[in-house]
Amino acid sequence: MHVYALLLAAAAFVAPIFGDTTTTSSSSSSSRPTVELDYTTVQAVGGNTTVGYYKYQNIRFAKVPTGDLRFAAPEWPDIETAINNGTNLADSDVDCSSSEDCLYLDVWAPADAAGRNLPVLVWTYGGGFTGGSKSQNTPEGLFDLTQDFIFVGYNYRLGITGLATGPTYQHEGGTGNLCVWDSTHAFEWVQKYITNFGGNPDDVTAMGFSAGGSQVMFQMTRFGGNAPQLFNKAYIMSPGYVPGAGHHHGEQYWQNVSSAVGCDGGHLDCMRQVDFDTLATAADNIVSTYTYQMQPRVDGFIIPDT
């Protein structure tokens, strides 16, 4: 019922107001709570002591997708020995269009969440699969209405690193629709770890806008609807749930970008060595020149041809 009330108030979910009148962000680190996971310990970066919630920021939910993990499915992160205080791994507004080390999520939880088995709201941002981040549309306004839920926002790979495809790419061992795989991995993280924050993995609502709404729908239908569902309810706004044009367009795009960065033939080993900024710039320029659509495509696997 609390999540339903939150969804009715979703119109207020448009502008961040974090850092309200009384926050813990300026207090000593020893006064901020920590949550232990089996691979890291995360400490709240701040919160609102008047309303009564904390924000756990930049929790790594997958390995850094660089080197051999560029153009590969997400993997569970390595053990972290240092406490993750929310600022020592990445900036608060880290996004996947400007940094490859971007697979982080934020958890917002009431100060008294431990052991409460609260409903969970997972937000997926929009941006045409080329922009956006977890730092958009944060939930302070919702927490002003109720503190009886937990909020999760996550990043997913964008542009060419999230949507590369085509026969050459796949033959070389690249994984298609990585943005969808990243979303799946984030929801799997919620299922695995949200109890540590006081959340109920059996009461998860997925909410997404635009490309984020499409992401939610791709999660509902991944593997032809034969995969276990990772959430119980969905609130979808303005989705564009239509896979992009055929793989011949993806092949042309892949070859054009690879040639622009000195990897003629589109060999994956070469493309994995290209500097991220160089790769992203070339990809953006070619998208503009050829009006190529950055959208998930049928790959016969996570998005089957049904």
C-alpha atoms as a PDB file:
ATOM      1  CA  MET A   1       0.000   0.000   0.000  1.00  0.00           C
ATOM      2  CA  HIS A   2       2.884   2.351   0.764  1.00  0.00           C
ATOM      3  CA  VAL A   3       4.403   1.817  -2.681  1.00  0.00           C
ATOM      4  CA  TYR A   4       1.013   2.426  -4.278  1.00  0.00           C
ATOM      5  CA  ALA A   5       0.804   5.750  -2.473  1.00  0.00           C
ATOM      6  CA  LEU A   6       4.274   6.594  -3.704  1.00  0.00           C
ATOM      7  CA  LEU A   7       3.318   5.878  -7.278  1.00  0.00           C
ATOM      8  CA  LEU A   8       0.330   8.184  -6.998  1.00  0.00           C
ATOM      9  CA  ALA A   9       2.804  10.843  -5.915  1.00  0.00           C
ATOM     10  CA  ALA A  10       5.205  10.139  -8.767  1.00  0.00           C
ATOM     11  CA  ALA A  11       4.460  13.511 -10.315  1.00  0.00           C
ATOM     12  CA  ALA A  12       6.512  14.993  -7.495  1.00  0.00           C
ATOM     13  CA  PHE A  13       9.379  12.737  -8.472  1.00  0.00           C
ATOM     14  CA  VAL A  14      11.031  15.238 -10.781  1.00  0.00           C
ATOM     15  CA  ALA A  15      13.696  17.291  -9.014  1.00  0.00           C
ATOM     16  CA  PRO A  16      16.290  16.369  -6.407  1.00  0.00           C
ATOM     17  CA  ILE A  17      16.202  18.295  -3.156  1.00  0.00           C
ATOM     18  CA  PHE A  18      18.865  16.291  -1.331  1.00  0.00           C
ATOM     19  CA  GLY A  19      20.593  18.209   1.386  1.00  0.00           C
ATOM     20  CA  ASP A  20      17.478  19.530   3.082  1.00  0.00           C
ATOM     21  CA  THR A  21      17.631  21.690   6.195  1.00  0.00           C
ATOM     22  CA  THR A  22      19.289  19.097   8.420  1.00  0.00           C
ATOM     23  CA  THR A  23      21.652  16.522   6.928  1.00  0.00           C
ATOM     24  CA  THR A  24      24.326  14.179   8.163  1.00  0.00           C
ATOM     25  CA  SER A  25      26.597  14.847   5.202  1.00  0.00           C
ATOM     26  CA  SER A  26      28.714  17.276   7.202  1.00  0.00           C
ATOM     27  CA  SER A  27      28.917  15.106  10.307  1.00  0.00           C
ATOM     28  CA  SER A  28      31.877  12.920  11.156  1.00  0.00           C
ATOM     29  CA  SER A  29      32.094   9.609   9.352  1.00  0.00           C
ATOM     30  CA  SER A  30      31.865   7.718  12.640  1.00  0.00           C
ATOM     31  CA  SER A  31      28.299   8.974  13.161  1.00  0.00           C
ATOM     32  CA  ARG A  32      27.030   7.617   9.845  1.00  0.00           C
ATOM     33  CA  PRO A  33      25.707   4.032   9.734  1.00  0.00           C
ATOM     34  CA  THR A  34      27.305   1.214   7.768  1.00  0.00           C
ATOM     35  CA  VAL A  35      25.845  -1.835   6.041  1.00  0.00           C
ATOM     36  CA  GLU A  36      27.905  -4.984   5.574  1.00  0.00           C
ATOM     37  CA  LEU A  37      27.632  -7.028   2.385  1.00  0.00           C
ATOM     38  CA  ASP A  38      29.613 -10.154   1.609  1.00  0.00           C
ATOM     39  CA  TYR A  39      32.015  -8.236  -0.644  1.00  0.00           C
ATOM     40  CA  THR A  40      32.090  -4.729   0.823  1.00  0.00           C
ATOM     41  CA  THR A  41      31.018  -2.486   3.669  1.00  0.00           C
ATOM     42  CA  VAL A  42      29.121   0.635   2.648  1.00  0.00           C
ATOM     43  CA  GLN A  43      28.673   3.740   4.750  1.00  0.00           C
ATOM     44  CA  ALA A  44      25.922   6.291   4.365  1.00  0.00           C
ATOM     45  CA  VAL A  45      27.180   9.387   2.589  1.00  0.00           C
ATOM     46  CA  GLY A  46      24.470  11.555   4.088  1.00  0.00           C
ATOM     47  CA  GLY A  47      20.777  11.838   4.671  1.00  0.00           C
ATOM     48  CA  ASN A  48      18.114  13.901   6.334  1.00  0.00           C
ATOM     49  CA  THR A  49      18.025  13.564  10.091  1.00  0.00           C
ATOM     50  CA  THR A  50      14.782  15.540  10.351  1.00  0.00           C
ATOM     51  CA  VAL A  51      12.816  13.302   7.985  1.00  0.00           C
ATOM     52  CA  GLY A  52      14.827  10.244   8.952  1.00  0.00           C
ATOM     53  CA  TYR A  53      16.589   8.554   6.018  1.00  0.00           C
ATOM     54  CA  TYR A  54      20.089   7.801   4.761  1.00  0.00           C
ATOM     55  CA  LYS A  55      21.657   7.587   1.326  1.00  0.00           C
ATOM     56  CA  TYR A  56      24.206   4.854   0.536  1.00  0.00           C
ATOM     57  CA  GLN A  57      25.938   6.061  -2.593  1.00  0.00           C
ATOM     58  CA  ASN A  58      28.050   4.489  -5.344  1.00  0.00           C
ATOM     59  CA  ILE A  59      27.731   0.850  -4.345  1.00  0.00           C
ATOM     60  CA  ARG A  60      29.524  -1.163  -6.992  1.00  0.00           C
ATOM     61  CA  PHE A  61      27.141  -3.845  -8.302  1.00  0.00           C
ATOM     62  CA  ALA A  62      29.400  -5.216 -11.051  1.00  0.00           C
ATOM     63  CA  LYS A  63      33.068  -5.314 -11.939  1.00  0.00           C
ATOM     64  CA  VAL A  64      34.468  -2.341 -13.826  1.00  0.00           C
ATOM     65  CA  PRO A  65      33.570  -3.112 -17.487  1.00  0.00           C
ATOM     66  CA  THR A  66      36.972  -2.313 -18.972  1.00  0.00           C
ATOM     67  CA  GLY A  67      39.560  -4.392 -20.807  1.00  0.00           C
ATOM     68  CA  ASP A  68      38.186  -7.856 -21.493  1.00  0.00           C
ATOM     69  CA  LEU A  69      34.936  -6.873 -19.754  1.00  0.00           C
ATOM     70  CA  ARG A  70      34.200  -4.110 -22.258  1.00  0.00           C
ATOM     71  CA  PHE A  71      31.485  -5.505 -24.549  1.00  0.00           C
ATOM     72  CA  ALA A  72      30.952  -8.381 -22.082  1.00  0.00           C
ATOM     73  CA  ALA A  73      28.132  -9.271 -19.709  1.00  0.00           C
ATOM     74  CA  PRO A  74      28.407  -7.836 -16.184  1.00  0.00           C
ATOM     75  CA  GLU A  75      30.132  -9.876 -13.495  1.00  0.00           C
ATOM     76  CA  TRP A  76      29.853  -9.696  -9.725  1.00  0.00           C
ATOM     77  CA  PRO A  77      32.319  -7.263  -8.147  1.00  0.00           C
ATOM     78  CA  ASP A  78      35.512  -8.239  -6.379  1.00  0.00           C
ATOM     79  CA  ILE A  79      36.028  -8.034  -2.632  1.00  0.00           C
ATOM     80  CA  GLU A  80      36.606  -4.485  -1.407  1.00  0.00           C
ATOM     81  CA  THR A  81      38.754  -4.189   1.712  1.00  0.00           C
ATOM     82  CA  ALA A  82      38.241  -0.472   2.348  1.00  0.00           C
ATOM     83  CA  ILE A  83      34.930   0.900   3.568  1.00  0.00           C
ATOM     84  CA  ASN A  84      32.961   2.429   0.707  1.00  0.00           C
ATOM     85  CA  ASN A  85      31.980   5.843   2.041  1.00  0.00           C
ATOM     86  CA  GLY A  86      30.139   6.839  -1.131  1.00  0.00           C
ATOM     87  CA  THR A  87      32.811   9.225  -2.400  1.00  0.00           C
ATOM     88  CA  ASN A  88      36.009   7.187  -2.569  1.00  0.00           C
ATOM     89  CA  LEU A  89      35.074   5.226  -5.718  1.00  0.00           C
ATOM     90  CA  ALA A  90      33.274   7.761  -7.906  1.00  0.00           C
ATOM     91  CA  ASP A  91      31.573  11.142  -7.970  1.00  0.00           C
ATOM     92  CA  SER A  92      27.948  11.304  -6.898  1.00  0.00           C
ATOM     93  CA  ASP A  93      26.829  12.063 -10.466  1.00  0.00           C
ATOM     94  CA  VAL A  94      28.911   9.386 -12.197  1.00  0.00           C
ATOM     95  CA  ASP A  95      27.295   8.258 -15.452  1.00  0.00           C
ATOM     96  CA  CYS A  96      28.025   5.754 -18.195  1.00  0.00           C
ATOM     97  CA  SER A  97      28.228   8.299 -21.001  1.00  0.00           C
ATOM     98  CA  SER A  98      31.348   9.943 -19.576  1.00  0.00           C
ATOM     99  CA  SER A  99      32.994   7.154 -17.575  1.00  0.00           C
ATOM    100  CA  GLU A 100      33.388   3.444 -18.182  1.00  0.00           C
ATOM    101  CA  ASP A 101      33.729   2.811 -14.453  1.00  0.00           C
ATOM    102  CA  CYS A 102      30.061   3.540 -13.927  1.00  0.00           C
ATOM    103  CA  LEU A 103      28.222   0.425 -12.766  1.00  0.00           C
ATOM    104  CA  TYR A 104      27.148   1.751  -9.393  1.00  0.00           C
ATOM    105  CA  LEU A 105      23.844   2.008  -7.597  1.00  0.00           C
ATOM    106  CA  ASP A 106      22.489   4.106  -4.732  1.00  0.00           C
ATOM    107  CA  VAL A 107      20.258   2.896  -1.917  1.00  0.00           C
ATOM    108  CA  TRP A 108      18.076   5.281   0.083  1.00  0.00           C
ATOM    109  CA  ALA A 109      16.674   3.805   3.289  1.00  0.00           C
ATOM    110  CA  PRO A 110      14.877   4.999   6.421  1.00  0.00           C
ATOM    111  CA  ALA A 111      17.098   5.389   9.454  1.00  0.00           C
ATOM    112  CA  ASP A 112      15.137   2.612  11.191  1.00  0.00           C
ATOM    113  CA  ALA A 113      14.963   0.265   8.180  1.00  0.00           C
ATOM    114  CA  ALA A 114      16.967  -2.611   9.679  1.00  0.00           C
ATOM    115  CA  GLY A 115      14.809  -5.713   9.967  1.00  0.00           C
ATOM    116  CA  ARG A 116      11.609  -3.992   8.780  1.00  0.00           C
ATOM    117  CA  ASN A 117      11.239  -5.929   5.516  1.00  0.00           C
ATOM    118  CA  LEU A 118      10.176  -2.777   3.664  1.00  0.00           C
ATOM    119  CA  PRO A 119       8.870  -2.579   0.086  1.00  0.00           C
ATOM    120  CA  VAL A 120      11.474  -1.586  -2.476  1.00  0.00           C
ATOM    121  CA  LEU A 121      11.167   0.858  -5.382  1.00  0.00           C
ATOM    122  CA  VAL A 122      13.819   0.476  -8.111  1.00  0.00           C
ATOM    123  CA  TRP A 123      14.171   3.443 -10.473  1.00  0.00           C
ATOM    124  CA  THR A 124      15.508   3.177 -14.043  1.00  0.00           C
ATOM    125  CA  TYR A 125      16.289   6.516 -15.685  1.00  0.00           C
ATOM    126  CA  GLY A 126      15.629   7.524 -19.273  1.00  0.00           C
ATOM    127  CA  GLY A 127      17.804   9.286 -21.808  1.00  0.00           C
ATOM    128  CA  GLY A 128      17.452   7.474 -25.105  1.00  0.00           C
ATOM    129  CA  PHE A 129      20.067   4.878 -24.112  1.00  0.00           C
ATOM    130  CA  THR A 130      22.723   7.554 -24.673  1.00  0.00           C
ATOM    131  CA  GLY A 131      22.426   9.708 -21.537  1.00  0.00           C
ATOM    132  CA  GLY A 132      21.127   9.852 -17.999  1.00  0.00           C
ATOM    133  CA  SER A 133      22.261   8.445 -14.680  1.00  0.00           C
ATOM    134  CA  LYS A 134      21.137   7.218 -11.279  1.00  0.00           C
ATOM    135  CA  SER A 135      21.541  10.738  -9.904  1.00  0.00           C
ATOM    136  CA  GLN A 136      18.521  11.942 -11.887  1.00  0.00           C
ATOM    137  CA  ASN A 137      15.106  12.109 -10.196  1.00  0.00           C
ATOM    138  CA  THR A 138      16.205  11.194  -6.709  1.00  0.00           C
ATOM    139  CA  PRO A 139      13.553  10.416  -4.067  1.00  0.00           C
ATOM    140  CA  GLU A 140      13.779  13.164  -1.452  1.00  0.00           C
ATOM    141  CA  GLY A 141      10.279  14.397  -2.257  1.00  0.00           C
ATOM    142  CA  LEU A 142       8.902  10.889  -1.827  1.00  0.00           C
ATOM    143  CA  PHE A 143      10.611  10.489   1.539  1.00  0.00           C
ATOM    144  CA  ASP A 144       8.907  13.705   2.631  1.00  0.00           C
ATOM    145  CA  LEU A 145       5.626  11.789   2.172  1.00  0.00           C
ATOM    146  CA  THR A 146       6.598   8.484   3.776  1.00  0.00           C
ATOM    147  CA  GLN A 147       9.666   6.693   5.072  1.00  0.00           C
ATOM    148  CA  ASP A 148       8.121   3.242   4.744  1.00  0.00           C
ATOM    149  CA  PHE A 149      10.035   2.128   1.657  1.00  0.00           C
ATOM    150  CA  ILE A 150      13.530   1.718   0.228  1.00  0.00           C
ATOM    151  CA  PHE A 151      14.630   3.340  -3.011  1.00  0.00           C
ATOM    152  CA  VAL A 152      17.296   2.054  -5.412  1.00  0.00           C
ATOM    153  CA  GLY A 153      18.687   3.841  -8.466  1.00  0.00           C
ATOM    154  CA  TYR A 154      21.328   2.302 -10.718  1.00  0.00           C
ATOM    155  CA  ASN A 155      23.450   3.039 -13.771  1.00  0.00           C
ATOM    156  CA  TYR A 156      23.619   0.975 -16.947  1.00  0.00           C
ATOM    157  CA  ARG A 157      25.954   1.167 -19.926  1.00  0.00           C
ATOM    158  CA  LEU A 158      24.997   3.626 -22.644  1.00  0.00           C
ATOM    159  CA  GLY A 159      25.798   4.257 -26.286  1.00  0.00           C
ATOM    160  CA  ILE A 160      28.158   1.911 -28.047  1.00  0.00           C
ATOM    161  CA  THR A 161      29.352   0.158 -24.876  1.00  0.00           C
ATOM    162  CA  GLY A 162      25.754  -0.665 -23.982  1.00  0.00           C
ATOM    163  CA  LEU A 163      24.286  -1.363 -27.416  1.00  0.00           C
ATOM    164  CA  ALA A 164      26.988  -2.599 -29.792  1.00  0.00           C
ATOM    165  CA  THR A 165      25.745  -5.348 -32.090  1.00  0.00           C
ATOM    166  CA  GLY A 166      26.085  -6.871 -35.546  1.00  0.00           C
ATOM    167  CA  PRO A 167      27.372 -10.147 -37.044  1.00  0.00           C
ATOM    168  CA  THR A 168      31.056  -9.230 -36.738  1.00  0.00           C
ATOM    169  CA  TYR A 169      30.638  -8.065 -33.160  1.00  0.00           C
ATOM    170  CA  GLN A 170      28.811 -11.228 -32.164  1.00  0.00           C
ATOM    171  CA  HIS A 171      31.177 -13.521 -34.088  1.00  0.00           C
ATOM    172  CA  GLU A 172      34.086 -11.906 -32.258  1.00  0.00           C
ATOM    173  CA  GLY A 173      32.452 -12.783 -28.934  1.00  0.00           C
ATOM    174  CA  GLY A 174      30.736  -9.513 -28.042  1.00  0.00           C
ATOM    175  CA  THR A 175      27.545  -9.612 -25.983  1.00  0.00           C
ATOM    176  CA  GLY A 176      24.616  -7.684 -27.402  1.00  0.00           C
ATOM    177  CA  ASN A 177      22.160  -5.498 -25.490  1.00  0.00           C
ATOM    178  CA  LEU A 178      24.539  -4.940 -22.589  1.00  0.00           C
ATOM    179  CA  CYS A 179      22.348  -2.159 -21.224  1.00  0.00           C
ATOM    180  CA  VAL A 180      19.642  -4.781 -20.693  1.00  0.00           C
ATOM    181  CA  TRP A 181      22.117  -7.181 -19.090  1.00  0.00           C
ATOM    182  CA  ASP A 182      23.253  -4.409 -16.733  1.00  0.00           C
ATOM    183  CA  SER A 183      19.654  -3.754 -15.730  1.00  0.00           C
ATOM    184  CA  THR A 184      19.123  -7.452 -15.061  1.00  0.00           C
ATOM    185  CA  HIS A 185      22.266  -7.521 -12.941  1.00  0.00           C
ATOM    186  CA  ALA A 186      21.094  -4.538 -10.892  1.00  0.00           C
ATOM    187  CA  PHE A 187      17.776  -6.250 -10.160  1.00  0.00           C
ATOM    188  CA  GLU A 188      19.664  -9.440  -9.263  1.00  0.00           C
ATOM    189  CA  TRP A 189      21.748  -7.359  -6.849  1.00  0.00           C
ATOM    190  CA  VAL A 190      18.537  -6.102  -5.247  1.00  0.00           C
ATOM    191  CA  GLN A 191      17.298  -9.657  -4.828  1.00  0.00           C
ATOM    192  CA  LYS A 192      20.595 -10.692  -3.256  1.00  0.00           C
ATOM    193  CA  TYR A 193      21.406  -7.757  -0.997  1.00  0.00           C
ATOM    194  CA  ILE A 194      18.421  -5.511  -0.282  1.00  0.00           C
ATOM    195  CA  THR A 195      17.590  -7.407   2.921  1.00  0.00           C
ATOM    196  CA  ASN A 196      20.849  -6.035   4.344  1.00  0.00           C
ATOM    197  CA  PHE A 197      19.296  -2.569   4.089  1.00  0.00           C
ATOM    198  CA  GLY A 198      15.942  -3.631   5.558  1.00  0.00           C
ATOM    199  CA  GLY A 199      14.196  -4.271   2.242  1.00  0.00           C
ATOM    200  CA  ASN A 200      11.933  -7.095   1.123  1.00  0.00           C
ATOM    201  CA  PRO A 201      13.158  -8.829  -2.066  1.00  0.00           C
ATOM    202  CA  ASP A 202       9.669 -10.284  -2.506  1.00  0.00           C
ATOM    203  CA  ASP A 203       8.087  -6.819  -2.681  1.00  0.00           C
ATOM    204  CA  VAL A 204       9.988  -4.965  -5.406  1.00  0.00           C
ATOM    205  CA  THR A 205       8.395  -2.422  -7.740  1.00  0.00           C
ATOM    206  CA  ALA A 206      10.260  -1.462 -10.916  1.00  0.00           C
ATOM    207  CA  MET A 207       9.700   2.079 -12.152  1.00  0.00           C
ATOM    208  CA  GLY A 208      11.139   3.578 -15.335  1.00  0.00           C
ATOM    209  CA  PHE A 209      10.666   6.530 -17.648  1.00  0.00           C
ATOM    210  CA  SER A 210      11.274   6.631 -21.425  1.00  0.00           C
ATOM    211  CA  ALA A 211      14.305   4.402 -22.089  1.00  0.00           C
ATOM    212  CA  GLY A 212      13.999   3.396 -18.446  1.00  0.00           C
ATOM    213  CA  GLY A 213      10.418   2.310 -19.069  1.00  0.00           C
ATOM    214  CA  SER A 214      11.662   0.262 -22.004  1.00  0.00           C
ATOM    215  CA  GLN A 215      14.268  -1.294 -19.736  1.00  0.00           C
ATOM    216  CA  VAL A 216      11.561  -2.415 -17.334  1.00  0.00           C
ATOM    217  CA  MET A 217       9.602  -3.980 -20.198  1.00  0.00           C
ATOM    218  CA  PHE A 218      12.706  -5.728 -21.536  1.00  0.00           C
ATOM    219  CA  GLN A 219      13.207  -7.151 -18.041  1.00  0.00           C
ATOM    220  CA  MET A 220       9.658  -8.470 -17.984  1.00  0.00           C
ATOM    221  CA  THR A 221      10.087 -10.190 -21.360  1.00  0.00           C
ATOM    222  CA  ARG A 222      13.774 -11.143 -21.330  1.00  0.00           C
ATOM    223  CA  PHE A 223      14.522 -14.593 -22.710  1.00  0.00           C
ATOM    224  CA  GLY A 224      11.005 -14.665 -24.123  1.00  0.00           C
ATOM    225  CA  GLY A 225       9.446 -14.346 -20.676  1.00  0.00           C
ATOM    226  CA  ASN A 226      11.034 -17.612 -19.547  1.00  0.00           C
ATOM    227  CA  ALA A 227      13.455 -16.107 -17.018  1.00  0.00           C
ATOM    228  CA  PRO A 228      12.600 -15.683 -13.330  1.00  0.00           C
ATOM    229  CA  GLN A 229      10.960 -12.344 -12.643  1.00  0.00           C
ATOM    230  CA  LEU A 230      13.104 -10.093 -10.472  1.00  0.00           C
ATOM    231  CA  PHE A 231      10.323  -7.742  -9.353  1.00  0.00           C
ATOM    232  CA  ASN A 232       6.647  -8.047  -8.482  1.00  0.00           C
ATOM    233  CA  LYS A 233       5.113  -4.830  -9.781  1.00  0.00           C
ATOM    234  CA  ALA A 234       5.967  -2.271 -12.437  1.00  0.00           C
ATOM    235  CA  TYR A 235       5.184   1.381 -13.052  1.00  0.00           C
ATOM    236  CA  ILE A 236       6.155   2.232 -16.637  1.00  0.00           C
ATOM    237  CA  MET A 237       6.124   5.747 -18.081  1.00  0.00           C
ATOM    238  CA  SER A 238       6.476   6.664 -21.785  1.00  0.00           C
ATOM    239  CA  PRO A 239       8.373   3.560 -22.911  1.00  0.00           C
ATOM    240  CA  GLY A 240       9.602   2.988 -26.441  1.00  0.00           C
ATOM    241  CA  TYR A 241       9.319  -0.769 -26.334  1.00  0.00           C
ATOM    242  CA  VAL A 242      10.246  -1.553 -29.931  1.00  0.00           C
ATOM    243  CA  PRO A 243      13.601  -3.207 -30.654  1.00  0.00           C
ATOM    244  CA  GLY A 244      15.725  -1.240 -33.119  1.00  0.00           C
ATOM    245  CA  ALA A 245      16.342  -1.909 -36.792  1.00  0.00           C
ATOM    246  CA  GLY A 246      17.993  -5.109 -38.022  1.00  0.00           C
ATOM    247  CA  HIS A 247      21.537  -6.276 -37.517  1.00  0.00           C
ATOM    248  CA  HIS A 248      22.694  -4.995 -40.898  1.00  0.00           C
ATOM    249  CA  HIS A 249      22.324  -1.482 -39.484  1.00  0.00           C
ATOM    250  CA  GLY A 250      24.230  -2.561 -36.401  1.00  0.00           C
ATOM    251  CA  GLU A 251      26.975  -4.044 -38.578  1.00  0.00           C
ATOM    252  CA  GLN A 252      27.349  -0.845 -40.585  1.00  0.00           C
ATOM    253  CA  TYR A 253      27.534   1.194 -37.415  1.00  0.00           C
ATOM    254  CA  TRP A 254      30.097  -1.135 -35.813  1.00  0.00           C
ATOM    255  CA  GLN A 255      32.297  -1.087 -38.896  1.00  0.00           C
ATOM    256  CA  ASN A 256      32.078   2.703 -39.247  1.00  0.00           C
ATOM    257  CA  VAL A 257      33.022   3.281 -35.625  1.00  0.00           C
ATOM    258  CA  SER A 258      35.811   0.706 -35.674  1.00  0.00           C
ATOM    259  CA  SER A 259      37.331   2.285 -38.779  1.00  0.00           C
ATOM    260  CA  ALA A 260      37.136   5.733 -37.172  1.00  0.00           C
ATOM    261  CA  VAL A 261      39.188   4.567 -34.174  1.00  0.00           C
ATOM    262  CA  GLY A 262      41.773   2.608 -36.175  1.00  0.00           C
ATOM    263  CA  CYS A 263      40.311  -0.872 -35.762  1.00  0.00           C
ATOM    264  CA  ASP A 264      39.457  -1.699 -39.372  1.00  0.00           C
ATOM    265  CA  GLY A 265      37.403  -4.868 -39.578  1.00  0.00           C
ATOM    266  CA  GLY A 266      35.814  -4.368 -36.169  1.00  0.00           C
ATOM    267  CA  HIS A 267      37.980  -6.859 -34.302  1.00  0.00           C
ATOM    268  CA  LEU A 268      36.963  -6.966 -30.665  1.00  0.00           C
ATOM    269  CA  ASP A 269      40.498  -7.217 -29.264  1.00  0.00           C
ATOM    270  CA  CYS A 270      41.347  -3.926 -30.936  1.00  0.00           C
ATOM    271  CA  MET A 271      38.116  -2.216 -29.914  1.00  0.00           C
ATOM    272  CA  ARG A 272      38.705  -3.182 -26.284  1.00  0.00           C
ATOM    273  CA  GLN A 273      42.007  -1.332 -26.296  1.00  0.00           C
ATOM    274  CA  VAL A 274      40.694   1.978 -27.599  1.00  0.00           C
ATOM    275  CA  ASP A 275      40.575   4.816 -25.077  1.00  0.00           C
ATOM    276  CA  PHE A 276      36.999   5.222 -23.843  1.00  0.00           C
ATOM    277  CA  ASP A 277      36.752   8.927 -24.650  1.00  0.00           C
ATOM    278  CA  THR A 278      38.051   8.311 -28.181  1.00  0.00           C
ATOM    279  CA  LEU A 279      35.582   5.478 -28.678  1.00  0.00           C
ATOM    280  CA  ALA A 280      32.632   7.429 -27.288  1.00  0.00           C
ATOM    281  CA  THR A 281      33.398  10.506 -29.391  1.00  0.00           C
ATOM    282  CA  ALA A 282      33.663   8.491 -32.605  1.00  0.00           C
ATOM    283  CA  ALA A 283      30.466   6.610 -31.781  1.00  0.00           C
ATOM    284  CA  ASP A 284      28.555   9.829 -31.098  1.00  0.00           C
ATOM    285  CA  ASN A 285      29.789  11.452 -34.303  1.00  0.00           C
ATOM    286  CA  ILE A 286      28.751   8.487 -36.420  1.00  0.00           C
ATOM    287  CA  VAL A 287      25.341   8.271 -34.745  1.00  0.00           C
ATOM    288  CA  SER A 288      24.754  11.885 -35.776  1.00  0.00           C
ATOM    289  CA  THR A 289      26.036  11.363 -39.321  1.00  0.00           C
ATOM    290  CA  TYR A 290      24.063   8.216 -40.080  1.00  0.00           C
ATOM    291  CA  THR A 291      21.048   8.847 -37.788  1.00  0.00           C
ATOM    292  CA  TYR A 292      21.652   5.417 -36.297  1.00  0.00           C
ATOM    293  CA  GLN A 293      19.202   4.585 -33.540  1.00  0.00           C
ATOM    294  CA  MET A 294      20.633   3.573 -30.199  1.00  0.00           C
ATOM    295  CA  GLN A 295      18.136   0.944 -29.106  1.00  0.00           C
ATOM    296  CA  PRO A 296      18.226  -2.665 -27.933  1.00  0.00           C
ATOM    297  CA  ARG A 297      17.953  -5.150 -30.783  1.00  0.00           C
ATOM    298  CA  VAL A 298      16.726  -8.700 -31.179  1.00  0.00           C
ATOM    299  CA  ASP A 299      19.718 -10.927 -30.489  1.00  0.00           C
ATOM    300  CA  GLY A 300      18.009 -14.313 -30.229  1.00  0.00           C
ATOM    301  CA  PHE A 301      19.054 -14.518 -26.604  1.00  0.00           C
ATOM    302  CA  ILE A 302      18.067 -11.987 -23.958  1.00  0.00           C
ATOM    303  CA  ILE A 303      15.789 -10.359 -26.574  1.00  0.00           C
ATOM    304  CA  PRO A 304      14.560 -13.292 -28.675  1.00  0.00           C
ATOM    305  CA  ASP A 305      12.721 -13.104 -31.977  1.00  0.00           C
ATOM    306  CA  THR A 306       9.285 -14.240 -30.832  1.00  0.00           C
END
